[in-house]
Amino acid sequence: MLYRSFDMDKTKIMDHHLNLQLQPLTKKWWKHLFLGFLFVILGIWIFITPLASYLSLSLFFTLALVTTGIFEIIAVVLYERESKYWGWHLLGES
């Protein structure tokens, strides 16, 4: 009997946790609708203009990778004294 009661309490806790996660999504449904329309329009634009979209996406990812790399190098230099394996962090290993 105790085992069954525990399972029911566990189910209630899981349902409550799921409701807490989904509740903010249902309150801001219009943001998801807007993003859906935006992604559909972006997909159509990419399909119609493949060369321009390839160039813009490659430029975006290049800038993102360069920016990430610069910040990673800055972080390694700033935390050099705190870690004796800072060289491995510089190479990208954790």
Protein backbone atom coordinates (compact mmCIF):
# COMPACT_ATOMS: atom_id res chain seq x y z
CA MET A 1 0.00 0.00 0.00
CA LEU A 2 2.85 2.37 0.82
CA TYR A 3 4.44 1.67 -2.58
CA ARG A 4 1.24 2.62 -4.45
CA SER A 5 0.89 5.84 -2.47
CA PHE A 6 4.46 6.77 -3.31
CA ASP A 7 3.81 6.24 -7.04
CA MET A 8 0.74 8.45 -6.94
CA ASP A 9 2.62 11.22 -5.15
CA LYS A 10 5.48 10.91 -7.63
CA THR A 11 3.03 11.19 -10.55
CA LYS A 12 1.44 14.28 -9.05
CA ILE A 13 4.85 15.88 -8.57
CA MET A 14 5.82 15.09 -12.16
CA ASP A 15 2.53 16.50 -13.49
CA HIS A 16 3.01 19.65 -11.44
CA HIS A 17 6.57 20.05 -12.72
CA LEU A 18 5.42 19.57 -16.32
CA ASN A 19 2.66 22.16 -15.85
CA LEU A 20 5.19 24.64 -14.46
CA GLN A 21 7.36 24.15 -17.55
CA LEU A 22 4.53 24.42 -20.07
CA GLN A 23 2.63 27.27 -18.45
CA PRO A 24 4.98 30.04 -19.62
CA LEU A 25 4.79 28.64 -23.17
CA THR A 26 1.01 28.86 -23.27
CA LYS A 27 0.97 32.43 -21.96
CA LYS A 28 3.28 33.65 -24.73
CA TRP A 29 1.78 31.71 -27.63
CA TRP A 30 1.99 34.71 -29.94
CA LYS A 31 5.80 34.67 -29.80
CA HIS A 32 5.87 31.10 -31.07
CA LEU A 33 3.40 31.98 -33.81
CA PHE A 34 5.52 34.97 -34.85
CA LEU A 35 8.70 32.88 -34.91
CA GLY A 36 6.91 30.23 -36.97
CA PHE A 37 5.91 32.79 -39.59
CA LEU A 38 9.38 34.29 -39.53
CA PHE A 39 11.03 30.91 -40.10
CA VAL A 40 8.63 30.08 -42.95
CA ILE A 41 9.40 33.41 -44.64
CA LEU A 42 13.12 32.88 -44.08
CA GLY A 43 12.88 29.38 -45.57
CA ILE A 44 11.10 30.71 -48.66
CA TRP A 45 13.71 33.47 -49.03
CA ILE A 46 16.53 30.92 -48.77
CA PHE A 47 14.82 28.73 -51.38
CA ILE A 48 14.31 31.66 -53.79
CA THR A 49 17.74 33.28 -53.38
CA PRO A 50 20.23 30.50 -52.65
CA LEU A 51 23.40 32.46 -53.47
CA ALA A 52 22.55 35.51 -51.35
CA SER A 53 21.38 33.33 -48.48
CA TYR A 54 24.53 31.19 -48.67
CA LEU A 55 26.72 34.28 -48.53
CA SER A 56 24.79 35.86 -45.67
CA LEU A 57 24.70 32.65 -43.62
CA SER A 58 28.40 31.99 -44.20
CA LEU A 59 29.20 35.56 -43.15
CA PHE A 60 27.05 35.18 -40.03
CA PHE A 61 28.67 31.90 -38.97
CA THR A 62 32.15 33.25 -39.72
CA LEU A 63 31.55 36.26 -37.48
CA ALA A 64 30.07 34.04 -34.77
CA LEU A 65 33.07 31.69 -34.81
CA VAL A 66 35.61 34.53 -34.81
CA THR A 67 33.83 36.28 -31.93
CA THR A 68 33.63 33.05 -29.93
CA GLY A 69 37.30 32.35 -30.54
CA ILE A 70 38.34 35.81 -29.40
CA PHE A 71 36.33 35.50 -26.19
CA GLU A 72 37.73 32.01 -25.54
CA ILE A 73 41.30 33.34 -25.85
CA ILE A 74 40.49 36.26 -23.54
CA ALA A 75 38.98 33.85 -20.97
CA VAL A 76 42.06 31.61 -21.06
CA VAL A 77 44.40 34.57 -20.57
CA LEU A 78 42.33 35.95 -17.69
CA TYR A 79 42.10 32.59 -15.88
CA GLU A 80 45.70 31.53 -16.55
CA ARG A 81 46.71 31.85 -12.89
CA GLU A 82 43.73 29.85 -11.61
CA SER A 83 44.29 26.75 -13.73
CA LYS A 84 47.52 24.89 -14.16
CA TYR A 85 46.18 23.32 -17.38
CA TRP A 86 45.43 26.61 -19.12
CA GLY A 87 47.24 25.46 -22.25
CA TRP A 88 44.72 22.68 -22.75
CA HIS A 89 41.91 25.22 -22.41
CA LEU A 90 43.58 27.30 -25.08
CA LEU A 91 43.60 24.28 -27.39
CA GLY A 92 39.87 23.80 -26.75
CA GLU A 93 40.01 20.85 -24.38
CA SER A 94 38.11 21.15 -21.13
